[in-house]
C-alpha atoms as a PDB file:
ATOM      1  CA  UNK A   1      38.765  78.243  16.895  1.00  0.00           C
ATOM      2  CA  UNK A   2      37.692  81.879  16.836  1.00  0.00           C
ATOM      3  CA  UNK A   3      36.628  81.663  13.204  1.00  0.00           C
ATOM      4  CA  UNK A   4      34.640  78.512  13.973  1.00  0.00           C
ATOM      5  CA  UNK A   5      32.977  80.133  17.007  1.00  0.00           C
ATOM      6  CA  UNK A   6      32.127  83.262  15.005  1.00  0.00           C
ATOM      7  CA  UNK A   7      30.776  81.186  12.110  1.00  0.00           C
ATOM      8  CA  UNK A   8      28.562  79.099  14.382  1.00  0.00           C
ATOM      9  CA  UNK A   9      27.349  82.197  16.223  1.00  0.00           C
ATOM     10  CA  UNK A  10      26.582  83.860  12.903  1.00  0.00           C
ATOM     11  CA  UNK A  11      24.191  81.053  11.990  1.00  0.00           C
ATOM     12  CA  UNK A  12      21.740  82.481  14.517  1.00  0.00           C
ATOM     13  CA  UNK A  13      21.785  86.006  13.063  1.00  0.00           C
ATOM     14  CA  UNK A  14      18.936  88.470  13.304  1.00  0.00           C
ATOM     15  CA  UNK A  15      15.870  88.202  11.137  1.00  0.00           C
ATOM     16  CA  UNK A  16      12.299  89.491  11.199  1.00  0.00           C
ATOM     17  CA  UNK A  17      12.077  88.671  14.902  1.00  0.00           C
ATOM     18  CA  UNK A  18      15.054  90.885  15.766  1.00  0.00           C
ATOM     19  CA  UNK A  19      13.672  93.730  13.637  1.00  0.00           C
ATOM     20  CA  UNK A  20      10.448  93.540  15.672  1.00  0.00           C
ATOM     21  CA  UNK A  21      12.213  93.628  19.057  1.00  0.00           C
ATOM     22  CA  UNK A  22      11.837  96.945  20.878  1.00  0.00           C
ATOM     23  CA  UNK A  23      15.276  98.574  20.924  1.00  0.00           C
ATOM     24  CA  UNK A  24      16.744 101.465  22.896  1.00  0.00           C
ATOM     25  CA  UNK A  25      17.251 104.603  20.800  1.00  0.00           C
ATOM     26  CA  UNK A  26      21.036 104.253  21.072  1.00  0.00           C
ATOM     27  CA  UNK A  27      21.134 100.707  19.653  1.00  0.00           C
ATOM     28  CA  UNK A  28      23.751 100.588  16.851  1.00  0.00           C
ATOM     29  CA  UNK A  29      22.600  99.532  13.402  1.00  0.00           C
ATOM     30  CA  UNK A  30      22.895  95.892  12.346  1.00  0.00           C
ATOM     31  CA  UNK A  31      25.875  96.570   9.993  1.00  0.00           C
ATOM     32  CA  UNK A  32      27.739  98.442  12.752  1.00  0.00           C
ATOM     33  CA  UNK A  33      27.104  95.631  15.228  1.00  0.00           C
ATOM     34  CA  UNK A  34      28.220  92.996  12.711  1.00  0.00           C
ATOM     35  CA  UNK A  35      31.457  94.885  12.017  1.00  0.00           C
ATOM     36  CA  UNK A  36      32.130  95.441  15.729  1.00  0.00           C
ATOM     37  CA  UNK A  37      31.508  91.771  16.561  1.00  0.00           C
ATOM     38  CA  UNK A  38      33.855  90.722  13.745  1.00  0.00           C
ATOM     39  CA  UNK A  39      36.546  93.066  15.083  1.00  0.00           C
ATOM     40  CA  UNK A  40      36.182  91.751  18.617  1.00  0.00           C
ATOM     41  CA  UNK A  41      36.376  88.134  17.472  1.00  0.00           C
ATOM     42  CA  UNK A  42      39.670  89.067  15.781  1.00  0.00           C
ATOM     43  CA  UNK A  43      40.838  90.686  19.033  1.00  0.00           C
ATOM     44  CA  UNK A  44      39.861  87.536  20.984  1.00  0.00           C
ATOM     45  CA  UNK A  45      41.802  85.458  18.468  1.00  0.00           C
ATOM     46  CA  UNK A  46      44.933  87.568  18.747  1.00  0.00           C
ATOM     47  CA  UNK A  47      44.751  87.525  22.545  1.00  0.00           C
ATOM     48  CA  UNK A  48      44.331  83.753  22.599  1.00  0.00           C
ATOM     49  CA  UNK A  49      47.205  83.264  20.167  1.00  0.00           C
ATOM     50  CA  UNK A  50      49.523  85.479  22.243  1.00  0.00           C
ATOM     51  CA  UNK A  51      48.873  83.350  25.329  1.00  0.00           C
ATOM     52  CA  UNK A  52      49.035  80.078  23.396  1.00  0.00           C
ATOM     53  CA  UNK A  53      52.392  81.169  21.957  1.00  0.00           C
ATOM     54  CA  UNK A  54      53.698  82.293  25.356  1.00  0.00           C
ATOM     55  CA  UNK A  55      53.368  78.780  26.829  1.00  0.00           C
ATOM     56  CA  UNK A  56      54.179  80.329  30.169  1.00  0.00           C
ATOM     57  CA  UNK A  57      53.022  79.610  33.666  1.00  0.00           C
ATOM     58  CA  UNK A  58      49.272  79.153  33.748  1.00  0.00           C
ATOM     59  CA  UNK A  59      48.841  79.515  29.983  1.00  0.00           C
ATOM     60  CA  UNK A  60      46.993  76.220  29.573  1.00  0.00           C
ATOM     61  CA  UNK A  61      44.486  77.104  32.305  1.00  0.00           C
ATOM     62  CA  UNK A  62      44.023  80.575  30.817  1.00  0.00           C
ATOM     63  CA  UNK A  63      43.422  79.063  27.366  1.00  0.00           C
ATOM     64  CA  UNK A  64      40.860  76.704  28.899  1.00  0.00           C
ATOM     65  CA  UNK A  65      38.922  79.697  30.224  1.00  0.00           C
ATOM     66  CA  UNK A  66      39.362  81.406  26.846  1.00  0.00           C
ATOM     67  CA  UNK A  67      37.773  78.423  25.062  1.00  0.00           C
ATOM     68  CA  UNK A  68      34.916  78.513  27.577  1.00  0.00           C
ATOM     69  CA  UNK A  69      34.211  82.174  26.844  1.00  0.00           C
ATOM     70  CA  UNK A  70      34.156  81.371  23.109  1.00  0.00           C
ATOM     71  CA  UNK A  71      31.580  78.672  23.835  1.00  0.00           C
ATOM     72  CA  UNK A  72      29.506  81.168  25.818  1.00  0.00           C
ATOM     73  CA  UNK A  73      29.445  83.408  22.735  1.00  0.00           C
ATOM     74  CA  UNK A  74      27.903  80.568  20.738  1.00  0.00           C
ATOM     75  CA  UNK A  75      25.412  79.836  23.508  1.00  0.00           C
ATOM     76  CA  UNK A  76      24.430  83.497  23.766  1.00  0.00           C
ATOM     77  CA  UNK A  77      23.758  83.707  20.005  1.00  0.00           C
ATOM     78  CA  UNK A  78      21.736  80.503  20.124  1.00  0.00           C
ATOM     79  CA  UNK A  79      19.649  81.665  23.082  1.00  0.00           C
ATOM     80  CA  UNK A  80      19.150  85.270  21.909  1.00  0.00           C
ATOM     81  CA  UNK A  81      18.647  84.812  18.166  1.00  0.00           C
ATOM     82  CA  UNK A  82      17.886  81.104  17.824  1.00  0.00           C
ATOM     83  CA  UNK A  83      15.551  80.597  20.779  1.00  0.00           C
ATOM     84  CA  UNK A  84      14.529  84.275  20.896  1.00  0.00           C
ATOM     85  CA  UNK A  85      14.810  84.364  24.694  1.00  0.00           C
ATOM     86  CA  UNK A  86      16.091  87.814  25.635  1.00  0.00           C
ATOM     87  CA  UNK A  87      15.951  87.171  29.396  1.00  0.00           C
ATOM     88  CA  UNK A  88      17.818  83.880  29.195  1.00  0.00           C
ATOM     89  CA  UNK A  89      20.336  85.516  26.870  1.00  0.00           C
ATOM     90  CA  UNK A  90      20.902  88.210  29.495  1.00  0.00           C
ATOM     91  CA  UNK A  91      21.805  85.484  31.997  1.00  0.00           C
ATOM     92  CA  UNK A  92      24.226  83.915  29.496  1.00  0.00           C
ATOM     93  CA  UNK A  93      25.723  87.337  28.722  1.00  0.00           C
ATOM     94  CA  UNK A  94      26.231  87.897  32.462  1.00  0.00           C
ATOM     95  CA  UNK A  95      28.217  84.672  32.664  1.00  0.00           C
ATOM     96  CA  UNK A  96      30.121  85.564  29.487  1.00  0.00           C
ATOM     97  CA  UNK A  97      31.201  88.923  30.953  1.00  0.00           C
ATOM     98  CA  UNK A  98      32.292  87.223  34.193  1.00  0.00           C
ATOM     99  CA  UNK A  99      34.265  84.515  32.392  1.00  0.00           C
ATOM    100  CA  UNK A 100      35.887  87.110  30.126  1.00  0.00           C
ATOM    101  CA  UNK A 101      37.027  88.997  33.235  1.00  0.00           C
ATOM    102  CA  UNK A 102      38.555  85.747  34.476  1.00  0.00           C
ATOM    103  CA  UNK A 103      40.253  85.292  31.096  1.00  0.00           C
ATOM    104  CA  UNK A 104      41.674  88.823  31.134  1.00  0.00           C
ATOM    105  CA  UNK A 105      43.023  88.261  34.623  1.00  0.00           C
ATOM    106  CA  UNK A 106      44.473  84.838  33.751  1.00  0.00           C
ATOM    107  CA  UNK A 107      46.071  86.215  30.572  1.00  0.00           C
ATOM    108  CA  UNK A 108      47.838  88.844  32.693  1.00  0.00           C
ATOM    109  CA  UNK A 109      50.163  86.146  34.034  1.00  0.00           C
ATOM    110  CA  UNK A 110      50.996  84.775  30.599  1.00  0.00           C
ATOM    111  CA  UNK A 111      51.148  87.861  28.369  1.00  0.00           C
ATOM    112  CA  UNK A 112      50.162  91.377  29.411  1.00  0.00           C
ATOM    113  CA  UNK A 113      49.305  92.420  25.843  1.00  0.00           C
ATOM    114  CA  UNK A 114      46.759  89.601  25.673  1.00  0.00           C
ATOM    115  CA  UNK A 115      45.243  90.739  28.966  1.00  0.00           C
ATOM    116  CA  UNK A 116      44.838  94.264  27.591  1.00  0.00           C
ATOM    117  CA  UNK A 117      43.161  92.932  24.457  1.00  0.00           C
ATOM    118  CA  UNK A 118      40.790  90.855  26.576  1.00  0.00           C
ATOM    119  CA  UNK A 119      40.055  93.918  28.710  1.00  0.00           C
ATOM    120  CA  UNK A 120      38.798  95.615  25.529  1.00  0.00           C
ATOM    121  CA  UNK A 121      36.654  92.526  24.880  1.00  0.00           C
ATOM    122  CA  UNK A 122      35.245  92.774  28.416  1.00  0.00           C
ATOM    123  CA  UNK A 123      34.315  96.394  27.680  1.00  0.00           C
ATOM    124  CA  UNK A 124      32.541  95.376  24.474  1.00  0.00           C
ATOM    125  CA  UNK A 125      30.711  92.543  26.201  1.00  0.00           C
ATOM    126  CA  UNK A 126      29.677  94.895  29.008  1.00  0.00           C
ATOM    127  CA  UNK A 127      28.211  97.286  26.442  1.00  0.00           C
ATOM    128  CA  UNK A 128      26.316  94.337  24.956  1.00  0.00           C
ATOM    129  CA  UNK A 129      25.151  93.283  28.421  1.00  0.00           C
ATOM    130  CA  UNK A 130      23.657  96.762  28.908  1.00  0.00           C
ATOM    131  CA  UNK A 131      22.072  96.604  25.439  1.00  0.00           C
ATOM    132  CA  UNK A 132      20.679  93.128  26.172  1.00  0.00           C
ATOM    133  CA  UNK A 133      19.317  94.398  29.508  1.00  0.00           C
ATOM    134  CA  UNK A 134      17.498  97.300  27.836  1.00  0.00           C
ATOM    135  CA  UNK A 135      16.126  94.996  25.134  1.00  0.00           C
ATOM    136  CA  UNK A 136      14.865  92.662  27.869  1.00  0.00           C
ATOM    137  CA  UNK A 137      13.332  95.563  29.813  1.00  0.00           C
ATOM    138  CA  UNK A 138      11.726  97.194  26.754  1.00  0.00           C
ATOM    139  CA  UNK A 139      10.176  93.895  25.721  1.00  0.00           C
ATOM    140  CA  UNK A 140       8.403  93.133  28.973  1.00  0.00           C
ATOM    141  CA  UNK A 141      11.155  91.604  31.112  1.00  0.00           C
ATOM    142  CA  UNK A 142      10.603  88.122  32.446  1.00  0.00           C
ATOM    143  CA  UNK A 143      12.461  85.015  31.390  1.00  0.00           C
ATOM    144  CA  UNK A 144      11.333  85.219  27.764  1.00  0.00           C
END
């Protein structure tokens, strides 16, 4: 599922539009971002597998939230890159961070290692929320 989510998200990759977007000076390069996203999708996959394999109390609910946060990743890519709506993408990213916090907390009851991996994902998503916020701000704010 992670590979599918990453592949779908990748279909909305940056192009001329993204190159023209005003960026903060600390924005990582496109190759660095691509590598980091790939790494974090692997981390999400490992975390999900650990909980799926644990089959413990609350694992099915936790996996449901995990699938939802994967879906939010697809939606964010569609809104940011596909629709080119930085403000709307910021709203989606806000929800994605929140849901990933829920996932990390839910994974805690099934497999602590998975919760720690998802905590790293929450950190990465928070960094991307801040980046998305600055992109939104530097490009005029608003819902566009």
